[in-house]
Protein backbone atom coordinates (compact mmCIF):
# COMPACT_ATOMS: atom_id res chain seq x y z
CA MET A 1 24.96 5.36 6.71
CA THR A 2 23.07 3.34 4.39
CA LYS A 3 21.24 4.82 0.98
CA ALA A 4 18.19 4.31 -0.40
CA LEU A 5 18.10 1.92 -3.17
CA PRO A 6 17.33 3.49 -7.23
CA ALA A 7 14.12 3.10 -8.75
CA LEU A 8 14.06 1.32 -11.87
CA ASP A 9 13.32 3.53 -14.89
CA CYS A 10 11.16 2.20 -17.64
CA PRO A 11 13.01 2.32 -20.83
CA ALA A 12 12.73 4.61 -23.62
CA ALA A 13 11.73 1.29 -25.79
CA PHE A 14 11.72 -2.40 -25.14
CA GLN A 15 13.51 -4.70 -27.23
CA PRO A 16 11.42 -4.77 -30.55
CA GLU A 17 10.90 -8.81 -30.41
CA PHE A 18 9.39 -8.51 -26.80
CA ALA A 19 7.99 -5.35 -26.89
CA LYS A 20 5.04 -6.51 -29.36
CA ILE A 21 4.44 -9.94 -26.75
CA ILE A 22 4.64 -6.97 -23.94
CA ASP A 23 1.79 -5.03 -25.92
CA GLN A 24 -0.21 -8.30 -26.85
CA LEU A 25 -0.18 -9.53 -23.26
CA VAL A 26 -1.23 -6.04 -22.09
CA PHE A 27 -4.19 -5.60 -24.98
CA GLN A 28 -5.98 -8.95 -24.28
CA LEU A 29 -5.59 -9.21 -19.98
CA SER A 30 -7.25 -5.03 -20.14
CA ARG A 31 -9.82 -6.43 -22.65
CA SER A 32 -10.75 -9.17 -20.99
CA ILE A 33 -10.71 -8.90 -17.63
CA THR A 34 -12.84 -5.41 -16.34
CA ALA A 35 -10.80 -5.25 -12.98
CA VAL A 36 -7.46 -5.00 -14.56
CA HIS A 37 -6.01 -1.96 -12.52
CA SER A 38 -2.46 -1.58 -13.91
CA VAL A 39 0.34 -4.49 -15.40
CA TYR A 40 3.52 -4.54 -14.62
CA VAL A 41 7.37 -6.13 -16.02
CA ALA A 42 10.32 -7.64 -14.69
CA GLY A 43 13.58 -9.03 -15.17
CA SER A 44 15.68 -9.31 -18.03
CA VAL A 45 12.94 -7.59 -20.13
CA VAL A 46 13.38 -4.03 -18.49
CA ARG A 47 16.84 -4.47 -18.11
CA LYS A 48 16.75 -5.05 -22.07
CA GLN A 49 19.25 -8.13 -21.90
CA ALA A 50 16.50 -10.34 -22.88
CA VAL A 51 17.56 -13.20 -24.93
CA ALA A 52 15.15 -14.97 -27.63
CA GLY A 53 14.33 -18.52 -26.59
CA ARG A 54 16.16 -18.29 -23.61
CA SER A 55 14.10 -15.46 -21.39
CA ASP A 56 11.09 -15.52 -19.44
CA LEU A 57 8.45 -13.02 -19.45
CA ASN A 58 7.93 -11.62 -15.02
CA VAL A 59 4.64 -9.94 -15.45
CA THR A 60 2.63 -8.55 -12.29
CA LEU A 61 -1.34 -7.98 -12.70
CA VAL A 62 -2.84 -6.00 -10.06
CA VAL A 63 -6.16 -5.84 -10.61
CA ALA A 64 -9.07 -3.59 -8.35
CA GLU A 65 -10.83 -6.50 -7.14
CA PRO A 66 -10.46 -10.16 -6.59
CA LEU A 67 -10.43 -11.87 -9.59
CA THR A 68 -13.44 -14.72 -10.04
CA VAL A 69 -13.57 -18.60 -10.79
CA SER A 70 -13.81 -17.44 -14.75
CA GLU A 71 -11.36 -14.25 -14.90
CA HIS A 72 -8.58 -16.54 -13.44
CA ALA A 73 -9.31 -19.23 -16.00
CA ILE A 74 -8.96 -16.58 -18.57
CA ARG A 75 -6.08 -15.08 -17.46
CA SER A 76 -3.86 -18.67 -17.82
CA SER A 77 -5.31 -19.06 -20.80
CA ILE A 78 -4.26 -15.75 -21.95
CA ALA A 79 -0.58 -16.10 -20.22
CA SER A 80 -0.76 -20.03 -21.91
CA ARG A 81 -2.07 -18.78 -25.79
CA VAL A 82 0.90 -16.15 -25.36
CA GLU A 83 3.64 -18.59 -24.48
CA GLN A 84 2.49 -20.59 -27.53
CA GLN A 85 2.17 -18.07 -29.97
CA TRP A 86 5.44 -16.24 -29.22
CA PRO A 87 8.73 -18.52 -29.13
CA GLN A 88 11.24 -15.94 -28.19
CA ILE A 89 9.80 -16.52 -24.25
CA THR A 90 10.17 -19.49 -22.73
CA ALA A 91 7.18 -18.76 -20.10
CA VAL A 92 4.95 -16.14 -19.01
CA GLN A 93 5.50 -15.76 -15.55
CA LEU A 94 2.37 -14.44 -14.19
CA THR A 95 1.71 -13.24 -10.59
CA VAL A 96 -1.90 -11.59 -9.29
CA LEU A 97 -2.57 -9.07 -6.70
CA THR A 98 -4.83 -6.69 -5.96
CA LYS A 99 -4.32 -2.73 -5.36
CA ASP A 100 -5.69 -3.71 -1.26
CA GLU A 101 -2.96 -6.38 -1.27
CA VAL A 102 0.20 -3.73 -2.85
CA LEU A 103 -1.40 -0.77 -0.72
CA ASP A 104 -1.29 -2.73 2.89
CA ILE A 105 0.80 -1.80 5.09
CA SER A 106 1.92 -4.83 6.31
CA THR A 107 3.33 -6.20 2.80
CA ILE A 108 4.93 -2.66 2.37
CA PHE A 109 8.32 -4.74 2.56
CA LYS A 110 7.32 -7.24 -0.30
CA TRP A 111 5.17 -4.84 -2.82
CA GLY A 112 5.64 -2.15 -1.91
CA PHE A 113 9.49 -2.99 -2.80
CA TRP A 114 9.22 -5.32 -5.66
CA LEU A 115 6.87 -2.38 -7.60
CA LYS A 116 9.09 0.59 -6.39
CA HIS A 117 12.83 -1.74 -7.43
CA CYS A 118 12.40 -4.41 -9.26
CA CYS A 119 9.78 -2.98 -11.62
CA VAL A 120 8.10 -0.85 -14.27
CA CYS A 121 4.54 0.08 -14.80
CA VAL A 122 3.80 -0.49 -18.49
CA PHE A 123 0.02 -0.16 -18.19
CA GLY A 124 -2.60 1.68 -15.78
CA ASP A 125 -1.63 3.51 -12.79
CA ASP A 126 1.46 3.21 -11.31
CA LEU A 127 1.31 2.37 -8.09
CA SER A 128 5.50 2.10 -7.77
CA SER A 129 4.50 6.09 -7.09
CA ARG A 130 2.95 5.24 -3.72
CA PHE A 131 6.00 4.53 -2.46
CA GLY A 132 9.28 5.77 -1.31
CA CYS A 133 12.58 3.96 -2.44
CA PHE A 134 13.83 1.54 0.19
CA GLU A 135 16.63 0.73 1.96
CA PRO A 136 18.16 -2.58 1.95
CA SER A 137 17.25 -4.33 5.31
CA TRP A 138 16.10 -7.96 6.58
CA GLU A 139 12.95 -6.96 6.84
CA ILE A 140 12.56 -6.88 2.63
CA GLY A 141 14.78 -10.27 2.25
CA ARG A 142 12.72 -12.09 4.63
CA SER A 143 9.34 -10.95 2.96
CA MET A 144 10.71 -11.74 -0.23
CA ASN A 145 10.88 -15.36 0.64
CA ASP A 146 7.80 -15.61 3.65
CA ASP A 147 6.12 -18.78 1.10
CA LEU A 148 9.62 -20.19 0.46
CA PRO A 149 8.84 -23.79 2.34
CA LEU A 150 5.23 -23.57 0.82
CA GLN A 151 6.97 -22.76 -2.81
CA LEU A 152 9.82 -25.67 -2.62
CA ASP A 153 7.37 -28.16 -2.19
CA GLU A 154 4.70 -27.03 -4.49
CA TYR A 155 7.74 -27.43 -7.03
CA ARG A 156 8.91 -30.80 -5.70
CA ARG A 157 5.31 -32.38 -5.85
CA LYS A 158 5.11 -30.72 -9.33
CA ILE A 159 8.72 -32.11 -10.22
CA MET A 160 7.70 -35.89 -8.93
CA ALA A 161 4.76 -35.80 -10.38
CA THR A 162 5.58 -34.65 -14.35
CA ARG A 163 6.02 -37.14 -17.03
CA VAL A 164 6.68 -34.48 -19.59
CA VAL A 165 10.27 -33.40 -20.52
CA SER A 166 9.30 -29.58 -21.91
CA HIS A 167 7.31 -29.59 -18.68
CA TYR A 168 10.24 -31.17 -15.94
CA LEU A 169 12.73 -28.37 -17.16
CA SER A 170 10.88 -25.62 -17.00
CA PHE A 171 9.66 -26.53 -13.28
CA CYS A 172 13.68 -27.52 -12.98
CA ARG A 173 14.42 -23.90 -14.25
CA ASP A 174 12.27 -22.35 -12.11
CA VAL A 175 12.89 -23.34 -8.96
CA ALA A 176 16.60 -22.76 -9.46
CA LYS A 177 15.99 -19.34 -10.39
CA LYS A 178 13.57 -19.18 -6.90
CA MET A 179 16.37 -20.70 -4.96
CA ILE A 180 19.30 -18.49 -6.12
CA TRP A 181 17.03 -15.44 -5.55
CA SER A 182 16.34 -16.33 -2.35
CA CYS A 183 19.88 -16.86 -1.33
CA TYR A 184 20.38 -13.41 -1.98
CA SER A 185 18.11 -12.35 -0.15
CA LEU A 186 20.01 -13.62 3.15
CA VAL A 187 22.61 -11.90 2.10
CA PHE A 188 21.16 -8.21 0.76
CA HIS A 189 20.98 -6.39 3.98
CA ARG A 190 24.53 -7.36 4.48
CA SER A 191 25.46 -6.61 1.41
CA GLY A 192 23.42 -3.31 0.80
CA LYS A 193 23.14 -4.11 -2.95
CA LEU A 194 20.34 -4.63 -5.64
CA ALA A 195 21.00 -7.66 -7.60
CA LEU A 196 18.99 -7.01 -10.93
CA SER A 197 20.09 -10.69 -12.69
CA LEU A 198 20.58 -13.90 -10.93
CA GLU A 199 24.34 -13.83 -11.86
CA GLN A 200 24.61 -10.89 -9.93
CA ALA A 201 22.14 -12.28 -7.17
CA ALA A 202 24.56 -15.13 -7.13
CA GLU A 203 27.77 -13.40 -6.71
CA LEU A 204 26.60 -11.20 -3.69
CA PHE A 205 25.25 -14.67 -2.01
CA LEU A 206 28.98 -16.26 -2.54
CA SER A 207 30.85 -13.13 -1.21
CA PHE A 208 29.46 -14.17 2.32
CA TYR A 209 28.91 -18.15 1.95
CA PRO A 210 31.80 -19.31 -0.59
CA GLN A 211 31.20 -22.49 0.71
CA HIS A 212 28.18 -22.71 -1.53
CA GLY A 213 29.83 -22.18 -5.08
CA VAL A 214 29.61 -25.64 -5.94
CA ALA A 215 25.17 -25.88 -5.29
CA ILE A 216 25.35 -22.56 -7.06
CA GLU A 217 26.59 -24.01 -10.60
CA ARG A 218 24.38 -26.60 -9.53
CA LEU A 219 21.56 -24.26 -9.29
CA PHE A 220 22.57 -22.82 -13.10
CA LEU A 221 23.01 -25.60 -14.68
CA LEU A 222 19.03 -26.17 -14.12
CA VAL A 223 18.61 -22.50 -15.36
CA SER A 224 20.44 -23.25 -18.70
CA GLY A 225 18.28 -26.04 -19.29
CA THR A 226 19.83 -28.77 -19.10
CA GLN A 227 18.90 -32.01 -18.05
CA VAL A 228 19.35 -33.72 -15.03
CA PRO A 229 18.15 -36.81 -13.22
CA LYS A 230 15.33 -36.07 -11.25
CA LYS A 231 16.55 -38.08 -7.99
CA ALA A 232 19.65 -35.07 -8.68
CA VAL A 233 17.15 -31.79 -8.66
CA LEU A 234 15.16 -33.52 -5.83
CA PHE A 235 17.84 -33.58 -3.67
CA MET A 236 18.96 -30.27 -3.93
CA ILE A 237 15.72 -28.83 -3.51
CA ASN A 238 15.66 -31.30 -0.45
CA ASP A 239 19.40 -30.64 1.19
CA PHE A 240 20.26 -27.50 -0.64
CA GLY A 241 16.81 -25.76 -0.34
CA GLN A 242 16.23 -27.14 2.99
CA TRP A 243 19.60 -25.19 4.28
CA ILE A 244 18.44 -22.10 2.43
CA VAL A 245 14.98 -22.25 4.57
CA ALA A 246 17.07 -23.33 7.48
CA GLU A 247 19.60 -20.11 7.48
CA PHE A 248 15.86 -18.33 7.23
CA GLY A 249 15.19 -19.04 10.64
CA LYS A 250 18.46 -19.00 11.90
CA ILE A 251 18.74 -14.77 10.90
CA GLU A 252 15.16 -14.40 11.51
CA ARG A 253 16.16 -15.28 15.39
CA LYS A 254 19.37 -13.37 15.53
CA ILE A 255 17.89 -10.09 14.05
CA GLY A 256 14.82 -10.42 15.73
């Protein structure tokens, strides 16, 4: 019998060097954007396993109404300033959603699951309380990757265009993380387990697809920040990335 997954508990205190960053980011967002409804943090910072200089800050901003062009610019500016001021983080990954998007029944397997099992609320009205705990399912894995082809195309474009090494390494790290999480989503419904780290995600994926061990090793090389030739990275996106996309289609046709 499938069991409901546990909701994430907000730590009594974040790691001090990251708590200050969260406080500043929340303060600037809530002061500068009037539509802010709530703010959520995910990833290694929530697990209190973040490593200074190696971890990013994954934030979901929920707004009461769509941001204006000006407010989007303000949001980007705030994220950039925080990145520059705090070398403890490699980047601020900031996703913006409207309250209506989060509560829409059609996106419950994506944003409902995300807020309930992958995030903790650090400001505002916690929308995760609107959802019960989810069970592992194909619907969740599929929904979390509904835009995977578009994301891979976007990363491919960015990697091909950039000539700045720091930007290149950041894009490589981000696309590698996305691909590892997508691999895990392929087996989420079969494993019945919630992975909270890249390592756990990769381990669960390889328990079902051991033949792709080399590909996963190469992705972790990119995650580590090791600089490899663009040709090799683009090959990974075009080859293994497209295999992931095709596998989603294969499973979808089988499960329906």
